[in-house]
Amino acid sequence: MTTAVLDVYLTESEWSATLRSDVRKGLTAIPKMLPPKWFYDAAGSQLYELITKLPEYYPFAAEHEILLARAGEIAAASRAECLVELGSGSSEKTCLLLDALSSVGTLRRYLPLDVSEAALRDAIDSLAAAYPGLVVHGIVGDFTRHLSQIPADGKRLLAFLGGTIGNLMPGDRAVFLRAVRQMLRSGEQLLLGTGLVIDPAVMVAAYDDEQGVTAEFNRNVLRVLNRELGANFVPEAFEHVALWDAEREWIEMRLRARHRLTVRVVELGLEVPFAAGEEMRTETSAKFRAEGVRAELAAAGFELTEWWTDTAQRFGLSLATAG
């Protein structure tokens, strides 16, 4: 019989306090910015699922291609007893890893960590039905703050998929990777998904699709602020912008004010002016090169032991071992 456990370390009050802090800091910064984690309310998560099915959005399909081809190798190389997954991820990708690890006979526990309690409860329910005998231990938490709450029960493989590592700024990325290494024991492994530097036109199109789904996803963060903080953003007053920064090698998503306006954020007591054409950054998505991934992992105390790409070499999947 499947055992399902859910531990909550990110309470509603902590979530609200973090949102308030992030929004106050971001809307008063020059230039303005908002962290991408606030995209993902229920509506934002649904929009993201639609994005993963768009023809322009190659990262999802490319990573899935790698996992479909290599899950057996990953399982054989890790022989993990516990699969830890950071972020909600795709249940389809998760199942590829769970199936492979089950096939080699080592898997006993699946431990997803996510900020959304509702999403984790859904995952636990579905996996409990699909994998009899598997212990499913969900942790409601922020992967930048709650890694220490992940139990050390059996040999662990920590999966951080989807290229989400690219949403962290370089300094934050280094801190995060060191924290992962500190959490893992020597010989345990990290499975890391990274988007690769390819044709800029292809990369930008993935974040600016013809149907406008990504634009709605981008503007959804304004709806979150309206609902949670009493803001009066008019989402349609902002234009979606996606561009490639060749120097920093990342995609930026921004929201550009179509005209001069002032936004009130009641819960923060803020009045925020926007000039016509002023842009607010909502996401960076760094793209990588193989040598850069190896160097960042080594700096954090990992050895890159396996490196795979999809056939078109658009996405990289690293298996790294804690030294």
C-alpha atoms as a PDB file:
ATOM      1  CA  MET A   1       0.000   0.000   0.000  1.00  0.00           C
ATOM      2  CA  THR A   2       1.280   3.459  -0.901  1.00  0.00           C
ATOM      3  CA  THR A   3       2.126   5.737   2.009  1.00  0.00           C
ATOM      4  CA  ALA A   4       1.497   9.444   1.394  1.00  0.00           C
ATOM      5  CA  VAL A   5       2.866  12.187   3.657  1.00  0.00           C
ATOM      6  CA  LEU A   6       2.720  15.966   3.271  1.00  0.00           C
ATOM      7  CA  ASP A   7       4.875  18.341   5.334  1.00  0.00           C
ATOM      8  CA  VAL A   8       4.193  22.073   5.137  1.00  0.00           C
ATOM      9  CA  TYR A   9       7.143  24.388   5.764  1.00  0.00           C
ATOM     10  CA  LEU A  10       5.916  27.322   3.699  1.00  0.00           C
ATOM     11  CA  THR A  11       2.808  28.547   5.503  1.00  0.00           C
ATOM     12  CA  GLU A  12       0.233  30.908   4.037  1.00  0.00           C
ATOM     13  CA  SER A  13       1.500  33.735   6.254  1.00  0.00           C
ATOM     14  CA  GLU A  14       5.111  33.153   5.136  1.00  0.00           C
ATOM     15  CA  TRP A  15       3.988  33.004   1.500  1.00  0.00           C
ATOM     16  CA  SER A  16       2.144  36.314   1.909  1.00  0.00           C
ATOM     17  CA  ALA A  17       5.089  37.970   3.653  1.00  0.00           C
ATOM     18  CA  THR A  18       7.468  36.858   0.902  1.00  0.00           C
ATOM     19  CA  LEU A  19       5.110  38.139  -1.800  1.00  0.00           C
ATOM     20  CA  ARG A  20       4.833  41.509  -0.087  1.00  0.00           C
ATOM     21  CA  SER A  21       8.584  41.790   0.317  1.00  0.00           C
ATOM     22  CA  ASP A  22       9.322  40.779  -3.276  1.00  0.00           C
ATOM     23  CA  VAL A  23       6.724  43.133  -4.740  1.00  0.00           C
ATOM     24  CA  ARG A  24       7.715  46.126  -2.632  1.00  0.00           C
ATOM     25  CA  LYS A  25      11.367  45.623  -3.513  1.00  0.00           C
ATOM     26  CA  GLY A  26      10.672  44.988  -7.189  1.00  0.00           C
ATOM     27  CA  LEU A  27       8.227  47.819  -7.857  1.00  0.00           C
ATOM     28  CA  THR A  28      10.482  50.389  -6.173  1.00  0.00           C
ATOM     29  CA  ALA A  29      13.653  49.164  -7.915  1.00  0.00           C
ATOM     30  CA  ILE A  30      15.235  50.891 -10.903  1.00  0.00           C
ATOM     31  CA  PRO A  31      14.506  49.302 -13.306  1.00  0.00           C
ATOM     32  CA  LYS A  32      11.371  47.620 -11.957  1.00  0.00           C
ATOM     33  CA  MET A  33      11.233  43.828 -11.735  1.00  0.00           C
ATOM     34  CA  LEU A  34       9.143  40.971 -10.344  1.00  0.00           C
ATOM     35  CA  PRO A  35      10.400  37.442  -9.555  1.00  0.00           C
ATOM     36  CA  PRO A  36       9.029  34.767 -11.915  1.00  0.00           C
ATOM     37  CA  LYS A  37       7.818  32.514  -9.098  1.00  0.00           C
ATOM     38  CA  TRP A  38       4.716  34.691  -8.753  1.00  0.00           C
ATOM     39  CA  PHE A  39       3.460  33.630 -12.203  1.00  0.00           C
ATOM     40  CA  TYR A  40       2.308  30.307 -10.834  1.00  0.00           C
ATOM     41  CA  ASP A  41      -1.096  30.609  -9.272  1.00  0.00           C
ATOM     42  CA  ALA A  42      -3.728  28.156 -10.551  1.00  0.00           C
ATOM     43  CA  ALA A  43      -4.353  30.188 -13.710  1.00  0.00           C
ATOM     44  CA  GLY A  44      -0.624  30.691 -14.325  1.00  0.00           C
ATOM     45  CA  SER A  45       0.069  26.985 -13.926  1.00  0.00           C
ATOM     46  CA  GLN A  46      -2.652  26.168 -16.453  1.00  0.00           C
ATOM     47  CA  LEU A  47      -1.198  28.698 -18.899  1.00  0.00           C
ATOM     48  CA  TYR A  48       2.259  27.192 -18.459  1.00  0.00           C
ATOM     49  CA  GLU A  49       0.881  23.729 -19.249  1.00  0.00           C
ATOM     50  CA  LEU A  50      -0.523  25.190 -22.485  1.00  0.00           C
ATOM     51  CA  ILE A  51       2.875  26.764 -23.240  1.00  0.00           C
ATOM     52  CA  THR A  52       4.600  23.379 -22.989  1.00  0.00           C
ATOM     53  CA  LYS A  53       2.389  22.124 -25.824  1.00  0.00           C
ATOM     54  CA  LEU A  54       3.056  25.061 -28.187  1.00  0.00           C
ATOM     55  CA  PRO A  55       5.075  24.321 -31.337  1.00  0.00           C
ATOM     56  CA  GLU A  56       7.481  27.179 -30.542  1.00  0.00           C
ATOM     57  CA  TYR A  57       8.228  25.977 -27.002  1.00  0.00           C
ATOM     58  CA  TYR A  58      10.953  23.443 -27.726  1.00  0.00           C
ATOM     59  CA  PRO A  59      12.544  23.111 -24.209  1.00  0.00           C
ATOM     60  CA  PHE A  60       9.785  20.875 -22.857  1.00  0.00           C
ATOM     61  CA  ALA A  61       9.799  18.510 -25.834  1.00  0.00           C
ATOM     62  CA  ALA A  62      13.602  18.460 -26.008  1.00  0.00           C
ATOM     63  CA  GLU A  63      13.999  17.505 -22.338  1.00  0.00           C
ATOM     64  CA  HIS A  64      11.249  14.902 -22.670  1.00  0.00           C
ATOM     65  CA  GLU A  65      13.085  13.392 -25.649  1.00  0.00           C
ATOM     66  CA  ILE A  66      16.245  13.022 -23.551  1.00  0.00           C
ATOM     67  CA  LEU A  67      14.429  11.466 -20.605  1.00  0.00           C
ATOM     68  CA  LEU A  68      12.549   9.071 -22.851  1.00  0.00           C
ATOM     69  CA  ALA A  69      15.847   7.884 -24.338  1.00  0.00           C
ATOM     70  CA  ARG A  70      18.018   7.999 -21.215  1.00  0.00           C
ATOM     71  CA  ALA A  71      15.832   7.285 -18.173  1.00  0.00           C
ATOM     72  CA  GLY A  72      17.097   3.716 -18.022  1.00  0.00           C
ATOM     73  CA  GLU A  73      20.721   4.887 -18.067  1.00  0.00           C
ATOM     74  CA  ILE A  74      19.971   7.464 -15.386  1.00  0.00           C
ATOM     75  CA  ALA A  75      18.384   4.851 -13.161  1.00  0.00           C
ATOM     76  CA  ALA A  76      21.214   2.363 -13.690  1.00  0.00           C
ATOM     77  CA  ALA A  77      23.854   4.992 -12.970  1.00  0.00           C
ATOM     78  CA  SER A  78      22.184   6.331  -9.838  1.00  0.00           C
ATOM     79  CA  ARG A  79      20.409   3.278  -8.383  1.00  0.00           C
ATOM     80  CA  ALA A  80      18.632   5.807  -6.195  1.00  0.00           C
ATOM     81  CA  GLU A  81      16.326   4.705  -3.410  1.00  0.00           C
ATOM     82  CA  CYS A  82      14.720   8.151  -3.211  1.00  0.00           C
ATOM     83  CA  LEU A  83      13.857  10.461  -6.109  1.00  0.00           C
ATOM     84  CA  VAL A  84      13.687  14.091  -4.961  1.00  0.00           C
ATOM     85  CA  GLU A  85      12.121  16.576  -7.384  1.00  0.00           C
ATOM     86  CA  LEU A  86      12.273  20.341  -7.008  1.00  0.00           C
ATOM     87  CA  GLY A  87       9.370  22.282  -8.490  1.00  0.00           C
ATOM     88  CA  SER A  88       6.056  20.963  -9.724  1.00  0.00           C
ATOM     89  CA  GLY A  89       7.475  19.618 -12.979  1.00  0.00           C
ATOM     90  CA  SER A  90       5.621  17.486 -15.476  1.00  0.00           C
ATOM     91  CA  SER A  91       4.036  14.320 -14.152  1.00  0.00           C
ATOM     92  CA  GLU A  92       4.880  12.722 -17.492  1.00  0.00           C
ATOM     93  CA  LYS A  93       8.608  13.413 -16.997  1.00  0.00           C
ATOM     94  CA  THR A  94       8.440  12.351 -13.368  1.00  0.00           C
ATOM     95  CA  CYS A  95       6.836   9.049 -14.323  1.00  0.00           C
ATOM     96  CA  LEU A  96       9.631   8.294 -16.801  1.00  0.00           C
ATOM     97  CA  LEU A  97      12.122   8.494 -13.928  1.00  0.00           C
ATOM     98  CA  LEU A  98       9.901   6.656 -11.454  1.00  0.00           C
ATOM     99  CA  ASP A  99       9.328   3.831 -13.942  1.00  0.00           C
ATOM    100  CA  ALA A 100      13.033   3.515 -14.712  1.00  0.00           C
ATOM    101  CA  LEU A 101      14.087   3.506 -11.068  1.00  0.00           C
ATOM    102  CA  SER A 102      11.355   1.000 -10.258  1.00  0.00           C
ATOM    103  CA  SER A 103      12.641  -1.233 -13.046  1.00  0.00           C
ATOM    104  CA  VAL A 104      16.131  -1.410 -11.538  1.00  0.00           C
ATOM    105  CA  GLY A 105      14.516  -2.328  -8.229  1.00  0.00           C
ATOM    106  CA  THR A 106      15.960   0.397  -5.991  1.00  0.00           C
ATOM    107  CA  LEU A 107      13.192   3.003  -5.670  1.00  0.00           C
ATOM    108  CA  ARG A 108      11.364   3.227  -2.346  1.00  0.00           C
ATOM    109  CA  ARG A 109      10.414   6.898  -1.995  1.00  0.00           C
ATOM    110  CA  TYR A 110       9.426   9.890  -4.131  1.00  0.00           C
ATOM    111  CA  LEU A 111       9.832  13.308  -2.559  1.00  0.00           C
ATOM    112  CA  PRO A 112       8.469  16.314  -4.497  1.00  0.00           C
ATOM    113  CA  LEU A 113       9.101  19.829  -3.137  1.00  0.00           C
ATOM    114  CA  ASP A 114       6.882  22.657  -4.382  1.00  0.00           C
ATOM    115  CA  VAL A 115       5.493  25.986  -3.178  1.00  0.00           C
ATOM    116  CA  SER A 116       1.933  24.912  -4.022  1.00  0.00           C
ATOM    117  CA  GLU A 117       0.206  22.765  -1.419  1.00  0.00           C
ATOM    118  CA  ALA A 118      -2.726  22.149  -3.772  1.00  0.00           C
ATOM    119  CA  ALA A 119      -0.443  20.948  -6.578  1.00  0.00           C
ATOM    120  CA  LEU A 120       1.399  18.606  -4.224  1.00  0.00           C
ATOM    121  CA  ARG A 121      -1.816  17.124  -2.858  1.00  0.00           C
ATOM    122  CA  ASP A 122      -2.944  16.392  -6.415  1.00  0.00           C
ATOM    123  CA  ALA A 123       0.432  14.809  -7.229  1.00  0.00           C
ATOM    124  CA  ILE A 124       0.349  12.642  -4.134  1.00  0.00           C
ATOM    125  CA  ASP A 125      -3.161  11.416  -4.912  1.00  0.00           C
ATOM    126  CA  SER A 126      -2.369  10.513  -8.515  1.00  0.00           C
ATOM    127  CA  LEU A 127       0.965   8.848  -7.723  1.00  0.00           C
ATOM    128  CA  ALA A 128      -0.531   6.898  -4.846  1.00  0.00           C
ATOM    129  CA  ALA A 129      -2.891   5.292  -7.324  1.00  0.00           C
ATOM    130  CA  ALA A 130      -0.241   4.752 -10.007  1.00  0.00           C
ATOM    131  CA  TYR A 131       2.607   3.355  -7.870  1.00  0.00           C
ATOM    132  CA  PRO A 132       1.491   0.871  -5.211  1.00  0.00           C
ATOM    133  CA  GLY A 133       4.155   0.425  -2.556  1.00  0.00           C
ATOM    134  CA  LEU A 134       5.857   3.755  -3.215  1.00  0.00           C
ATOM    135  CA  VAL A 135       6.243   6.151  -0.275  1.00  0.00           C
ATOM    136  CA  VAL A 136       5.286   9.627  -1.505  1.00  0.00           C
ATOM    137  CA  HIS A 137       6.506  12.396   0.798  1.00  0.00           C
ATOM    138  CA  GLY A 138       5.538  15.874  -0.346  1.00  0.00           C
ATOM    139  CA  ILE A 139       7.171  19.002   1.071  1.00  0.00           C
ATOM    140  CA  VAL A 140       5.490  22.372   0.695  1.00  0.00           C
ATOM    141  CA  GLY A 141       8.441  24.733   0.557  1.00  0.00           C
ATOM    142  CA  ASP A 142      10.657  27.056  -1.456  1.00  0.00           C
ATOM    143  CA  PHE A 143      13.666  25.307  -2.992  1.00  0.00           C
ATOM    144  CA  THR A 144      15.834  28.339  -2.208  1.00  0.00           C
ATOM    145  CA  ARG A 145      14.960  28.124   1.507  1.00  0.00           C
ATOM    146  CA  HIS A 146      13.865  24.637   2.504  1.00  0.00           C
ATOM    147  CA  LEU A 147      16.402  22.167   1.111  1.00  0.00           C
ATOM    148  CA  SER A 148      17.433  21.334   4.674  1.00  0.00           C
ATOM    149  CA  GLN A 149      13.975  19.842   5.261  1.00  0.00           C
ATOM    150  CA  ILE A 150      14.604  17.061   2.734  1.00  0.00           C
ATOM    151  CA  PRO A 151      15.209  13.881   4.742  1.00  0.00           C
ATOM    152  CA  ALA A 152      18.357  11.791   4.216  1.00  0.00           C
ATOM    153  CA  ASP A 153      16.600   8.462   3.815  1.00  0.00           C
ATOM    154  CA  GLY A 154      18.434   6.131   1.459  1.00  0.00           C
ATOM    155  CA  LYS A 155      20.520   7.127  -1.552  1.00  0.00           C
ATOM    156  CA  ARG A 156      18.976  10.168  -3.247  1.00  0.00           C
ATOM    157  CA  LEU A 157      18.772  11.447  -6.801  1.00  0.00           C
ATOM    158  CA  LEU A 158      17.700  15.102  -6.854  1.00  0.00           C
ATOM    159  CA  ALA A 159      16.009  16.155 -10.104  1.00  0.00           C
ATOM    160  CA  PHE A 160      15.779  19.835 -11.059  1.00  0.00           C
ATOM    161  CA  LEU A 161      14.278  19.788 -14.519  1.00  0.00           C
ATOM    162  CA  GLY A 162      12.722  22.105 -17.072  1.00  0.00           C
ATOM    163  CA  GLY A 163      15.599  24.572 -17.262  1.00  0.00           C
ATOM    164  CA  THR A 164      14.289  26.285 -14.111  1.00  0.00           C
ATOM    165  CA  ILE A 165      17.879  26.745 -12.923  1.00  0.00           C
ATOM    166  CA  GLY A 166      18.099  29.451 -15.601  1.00  0.00           C
ATOM    167  CA  ASN A 167      15.549  31.594 -13.768  1.00  0.00           C
ATOM    168  CA  LEU A 168      18.128  32.224 -11.040  1.00  0.00           C
ATOM    169  CA  MET A 169      20.592  35.068 -11.439  1.00  0.00           C
ATOM    170  CA  PRO A 170      24.224  33.855 -11.669  1.00  0.00           C
ATOM    171  CA  GLY A 171      25.095  34.672  -8.051  1.00  0.00           C
ATOM    172  CA  ASP A 172      21.884  33.083  -6.758  1.00  0.00           C
ATOM    173  CA  ARG A 173      22.533  30.066  -8.970  1.00  0.00           C
ATOM    174  CA  ALA A 174      25.940  29.526  -7.373  1.00  0.00           C
ATOM    175  CA  VAL A 175      24.453  29.818  -3.871  1.00  0.00           C
ATOM    176  CA  PHE A 176      21.681  27.373  -4.779  1.00  0.00           C
ATOM    177  CA  LEU A 177      24.027  24.756  -6.266  1.00  0.00           C
ATOM    178  CA  ARG A 178      26.277  24.948  -3.201  1.00  0.00           C
ATOM    179  CA  ALA A 179      23.218  24.466  -0.984  1.00  0.00           C
ATOM    180  CA  VAL A 180      22.201  21.386  -3.000  1.00  0.00           C
ATOM    181  CA  ARG A 181      25.713  19.982  -2.649  1.00  0.00           C
ATOM    182  CA  GLN A 182      25.665  20.644   1.095  1.00  0.00           C
ATOM    183  CA  MET A 183      22.327  18.852   1.402  1.00  0.00           C
ATOM    184  CA  LEU A 184      23.457  15.786  -0.556  1.00  0.00           C
ATOM    185  CA  ARG A 185      25.876  13.207   0.789  1.00  0.00           C
ATOM    186  CA  SER A 186      28.987  12.185  -1.099  1.00  0.00           C
ATOM    187  CA  GLY A 187      28.036   9.885  -3.975  1.00  0.00           C
ATOM    188  CA  GLU A 188      24.453  11.134  -4.242  1.00  0.00           C
ATOM    189  CA  GLN A 189      23.478  12.776  -7.488  1.00  0.00           C
ATOM    190  CA  LEU A 190      21.882  15.802  -9.128  1.00  0.00           C
ATOM    191  CA  LEU A 191      19.950  15.520 -12.400  1.00  0.00           C
ATOM    192  CA  LEU A 192      19.907  19.010 -13.898  1.00  0.00           C
ATOM    193  CA  GLY A 193      18.042  20.261 -16.965  1.00  0.00           C
ATOM    194  CA  THR A 194      19.470  23.269 -18.818  1.00  0.00           C
ATOM    195  CA  GLY A 195      18.407  25.079 -21.955  1.00  0.00           C
ATOM    196  CA  LEU A 196      21.311  25.521 -24.360  1.00  0.00           C
ATOM    197  CA  VAL A 197      22.446  28.528 -26.402  1.00  0.00           C
ATOM    198  CA  ILE A 198      21.065  28.073 -29.924  1.00  0.00           C
ATOM    199  CA  ASP A 199      19.737  30.332 -32.704  1.00  0.00           C
ATOM    200  CA  PRO A 200      18.442  33.514 -30.979  1.00  0.00           C
ATOM    201  CA  ALA A 201      15.367  33.651 -33.219  1.00  0.00           C
ATOM    202  CA  VAL A 202      14.358  30.142 -32.118  1.00  0.00           C
ATOM    203  CA  MET A 203      14.979  30.942 -28.451  1.00  0.00           C
ATOM    204  CA  VAL A 204      12.977  34.183 -28.533  1.00  0.00           C
ATOM    205  CA  ALA A 205      10.055  32.546 -30.354  1.00  0.00           C
ATOM    206  CA  ALA A 206       9.793  30.023 -27.524  1.00  0.00           C
ATOM    207  CA  TYR A 207       8.954  32.940 -25.197  1.00  0.00           C
ATOM    208  CA  ASP A 208       6.825  34.923 -27.664  1.00  0.00           C
ATOM    209  CA  ASP A 209       4.484  32.502 -29.417  1.00  0.00           C
ATOM    210  CA  GLU A 210       2.156  33.495 -32.230  1.00  0.00           C
ATOM    211  CA  GLN A 211      -0.978  32.545 -30.270  1.00  0.00           C
ATOM    212  CA  GLY A 212      -0.084  34.912 -27.430  1.00  0.00           C
ATOM    213  CA  VAL A 213      -0.242  32.283 -24.689  1.00  0.00           C
ATOM    214  CA  THR A 214       3.125  33.344 -23.240  1.00  0.00           C
ATOM    215  CA  ALA A 215       1.977  36.974 -23.294  1.00  0.00           C
ATOM    216  CA  GLU A 216      -1.044  36.044 -21.170  1.00  0.00           C
ATOM    217  CA  PHE A 217       1.196  34.014 -18.864  1.00  0.00           C
ATOM    218  CA  ASN A 218       3.448  37.045 -18.457  1.00  0.00           C
ATOM    219  CA  ARG A 219       0.550  39.398 -17.721  1.00  0.00           C
ATOM    220  CA  ASN A 220      -0.906  36.900 -15.245  1.00  0.00           C
ATOM    221  CA  VAL A 221       1.570  38.087 -12.621  1.00  0.00           C
ATOM    222  CA  LEU A 222      -0.300  41.400 -12.613  1.00  0.00           C
ATOM    223  CA  ARG A 223      -3.562  39.591 -11.904  1.00  0.00           C
ATOM    224  CA  VAL A 224      -1.876  37.823  -8.975  1.00  0.00           C
ATOM    225  CA  LEU A 225      -0.868  41.215  -7.545  1.00  0.00           C
ATOM    226  CA  ASN A 226      -4.372  42.581  -8.073  1.00  0.00           C
ATOM    227  CA  ARG A 227      -5.949  39.684  -6.207  1.00  0.00           C
ATOM    228  CA  GLU A 228      -3.416  39.228  -3.410  1.00  0.00           C
ATOM    229  CA  LEU A 229      -2.325  42.807  -2.746  1.00  0.00           C
ATOM    230  CA  GLY A 230      -5.278  44.935  -3.847  1.00  0.00           C
ATOM    231  CA  ALA A 231      -3.366  46.376  -6.817  1.00  0.00           C
ATOM    232  CA  ASN A 232      -5.198  47.957  -9.737  1.00  0.00           C
ATOM    233  CA  PHE A 233      -3.044  46.877 -12.660  1.00  0.00           C
ATOM    234  CA  VAL A 234      -4.855  46.760 -15.990  1.00  0.00           C
ATOM    235  CA  PRO A 235      -3.025  43.822 -17.600  1.00  0.00           C
ATOM    236  CA  GLU A 236      -4.002  44.887 -21.118  1.00  0.00           C
ATOM    237  CA  ALA A 237      -2.175  48.179 -20.541  1.00  0.00           C
ATOM    238  CA  PHE A 238       1.107  46.244 -20.684  1.00  0.00           C
ATOM    239  CA  GLU A 239       2.706  44.720 -23.766  1.00  0.00           C
ATOM    240  CA  HIS A 240       4.574  41.425 -23.566  1.00  0.00           C
ATOM    241  CA  VAL A 241       8.250  41.681 -24.553  1.00  0.00           C
ATOM    242  CA  ALA A 242      10.766  38.839 -25.028  1.00  0.00           C
ATOM    243  CA  LEU A 243      14.355  39.468 -26.074  1.00  0.00           C
ATOM    244  CA  TRP A 244      17.771  37.802 -26.185  1.00  0.00           C
ATOM    245  CA  ASP A 245      20.614  39.365 -24.197  1.00  0.00           C
ATOM    246  CA  ALA A 246      23.657  38.114 -26.109  1.00  0.00           C
ATOM    247  CA  GLU A 247      26.164  39.377 -23.544  1.00  0.00           C
ATOM    248  CA  ARG A 248      24.551  37.631 -20.575  1.00  0.00           C
ATOM    249  CA  GLU A 249      23.217  34.769 -22.687  1.00  0.00           C
ATOM    250  CA  TRP A 250      19.708  34.821 -21.317  1.00  0.00           C
ATOM    251  CA  ILE A 251      16.167  35.460 -22.487  1.00  0.00           C
ATOM    252  CA  GLU A 252      14.384  38.291 -20.710  1.00  0.00           C
ATOM    253  CA  MET A 253      10.647  38.631 -20.465  1.00  0.00           C
ATOM    254  CA  ARG A 254       9.348  42.086 -19.715  1.00  0.00           C
ATOM    255  CA  LEU A 255       6.079  43.973 -19.484  1.00  0.00           C
ATOM    256  CA  ARG A 256       6.070  47.338 -21.267  1.00  0.00           C
ATOM    257  CA  ALA A 257       3.604  50.075 -20.310  1.00  0.00           C
ATOM    258  CA  ARG A 258       1.616  51.068 -23.399  1.00  0.00           C
ATOM    259  CA  HIS A 259       1.059  54.568 -21.993  1.00  0.00           C
ATOM    260  CA  ARG A 260       1.825  56.621 -18.907  1.00  0.00           C
ATOM    261  CA  LEU A 261      -0.017  55.305 -15.850  1.00  0.00           C
ATOM    262  CA  THR A 262       0.079  54.979 -12.073  1.00  0.00           C
ATOM    263  CA  VAL A 263      -0.697  51.759 -10.214  1.00  0.00           C
ATOM    264  CA  ARG A 264      -1.901  51.635  -6.617  1.00  0.00           C
ATOM    265  CA  VAL A 265      -1.007  48.637  -4.463  1.00  0.00           C
ATOM    266  CA  VAL A 266      -3.369  49.023  -1.533  1.00  0.00           C
ATOM    267  CA  GLU A 267      -1.920  46.363   0.755  1.00  0.00           C
ATOM    268  CA  LEU A 268       1.553  47.908   0.482  1.00  0.00           C
ATOM    269  CA  GLY A 269       0.467  51.548   0.536  1.00  0.00           C
ATOM    270  CA  LEU A 270       2.325  52.092  -2.746  1.00  0.00           C
ATOM    271  CA  GLU A 271       1.648  54.297  -5.739  1.00  0.00           C
ATOM    272  CA  VAL A 272       3.839  53.153  -8.614  1.00  0.00           C
ATOM    273  CA  PRO A 273       4.261  55.404 -11.676  1.00  0.00           C
ATOM    274  CA  PHE A 274       5.067  53.952 -15.100  1.00  0.00           C
ATOM    275  CA  ALA A 275       6.283  56.115 -17.964  1.00  0.00           C
ATOM    276  CA  ALA A 276       4.976  55.358 -21.438  1.00  0.00           C
ATOM    277  CA  GLY A 277       7.184  52.573 -22.802  1.00  0.00           C
ATOM    278  CA  GLU A 278       8.729  51.766 -19.410  1.00  0.00           C
ATOM    279  CA  GLU A 279       9.617  48.096 -19.059  1.00  0.00           C
ATOM    280  CA  MET A 280       9.456  45.859 -15.997  1.00  0.00           C
ATOM    281  CA  ARG A 281      11.446  42.598 -16.044  1.00  0.00           C
ATOM    282  CA  THR A 282       9.428  39.548 -15.023  1.00  0.00           C
ATOM    283  CA  GLU A 283      11.759  36.670 -15.910  1.00  0.00           C
ATOM    284  CA  THR A 284      15.257  35.833 -17.001  1.00  0.00           C
ATOM    285  CA  SER A 285      15.919  32.412 -18.495  1.00  0.00           C
ATOM    286  CA  ALA A 286      19.626  31.775 -18.828  1.00  0.00           C
ATOM    287  CA  LYS A 287      20.835  29.466 -21.585  1.00  0.00           C
ATOM    288  CA  PHE A 288      23.982  27.428 -21.156  1.00  0.00           C
ATOM    289  CA  ARG A 289      26.928  25.813 -22.885  1.00  0.00           C
ATOM    290  CA  ALA A 290      28.262  22.402 -21.845  1.00  0.00           C
ATOM    291  CA  GLU A 291      31.564  23.792 -20.563  1.00  0.00           C
ATOM    292  CA  GLY A 292      29.727  26.403 -18.501  1.00  0.00           C
ATOM    293  CA  VAL A 293      27.479  23.806 -16.882  1.00  0.00           C
ATOM    294  CA  ARG A 294      30.508  21.683 -16.011  1.00  0.00           C
ATOM    295  CA  ALA A 295      32.302  24.675 -14.481  1.00  0.00           C
ATOM    296  CA  GLU A 296      29.312  25.776 -12.380  1.00  0.00           C
ATOM    297  CA  LEU A 297      28.774  22.249 -11.095  1.00  0.00           C
ATOM    298  CA  ALA A 298      32.476  21.846 -10.270  1.00  0.00           C
ATOM    299  CA  ALA A 299      32.504  25.146  -8.378  1.00  0.00           C
ATOM    300  CA  ALA A 300      29.661  23.820  -6.214  1.00  0.00           C
ATOM    301  CA  GLY A 301      31.425  20.511  -5.499  1.00  0.00           C
ATOM    302  CA  PHE A 302      29.932  18.243  -8.166  1.00  0.00           C
ATOM    303  CA  GLU A 303      31.556  16.110 -10.837  1.00  0.00           C
ATOM    304  CA  LEU A 304      29.685  16.021 -14.143  1.00  0.00           C
ATOM    305  CA  THR A 305      29.490  12.279 -14.778  1.00  0.00           C
ATOM    306  CA  GLU A 306      27.001  12.156 -17.690  1.00  0.00           C
ATOM    307  CA  TRP A 307      25.906  14.756 -20.267  1.00  0.00           C
ATOM    308  CA  TRP A 308      23.078  14.193 -22.713  1.00  0.00           C
ATOM    309  CA  THR A 309      21.332  16.391 -25.270  1.00  0.00           C
ATOM    310  CA  ASP A 310      18.339  15.963 -27.537  1.00  0.00           C
ATOM    311  CA  THR A 311      19.101  15.139 -31.167  1.00  0.00           C
ATOM    312  CA  ALA A 312      18.901  18.816 -32.175  1.00  0.00           C
ATOM    313  CA  GLN A 313      21.208  19.828 -29.279  1.00  0.00           C
ATOM    314  CA  ARG A 314      18.783  22.385 -27.890  1.00  0.00           C
ATOM    315  CA  PHE A 315      18.672  21.141 -24.301  1.00  0.00           C
ATOM    316  CA  GLY A 316      21.158  19.533 -21.931  1.00  0.00           C
ATOM    317  CA  LEU A 317      20.609  17.033 -19.147  1.00  0.00           C
ATOM    318  CA  SER A 318      23.446  16.586 -16.645  1.00  0.00           C
ATOM    319  CA  LEU A 319      23.966  13.804 -14.156  1.00  0.00           C
ATOM    320  CA  ALA A 320      26.377  15.144 -11.546  1.00  0.00           C
ATOM    321  CA  THR A 321      27.788  13.330  -8.526  1.00  0.00           C
ATOM    322  CA  ALA A 322      28.459  14.987  -5.188  1.00  0.00           C
ATOM    323  CA  GLY A 323      32.176  14.772  -4.455  1.00  0.00           C
END
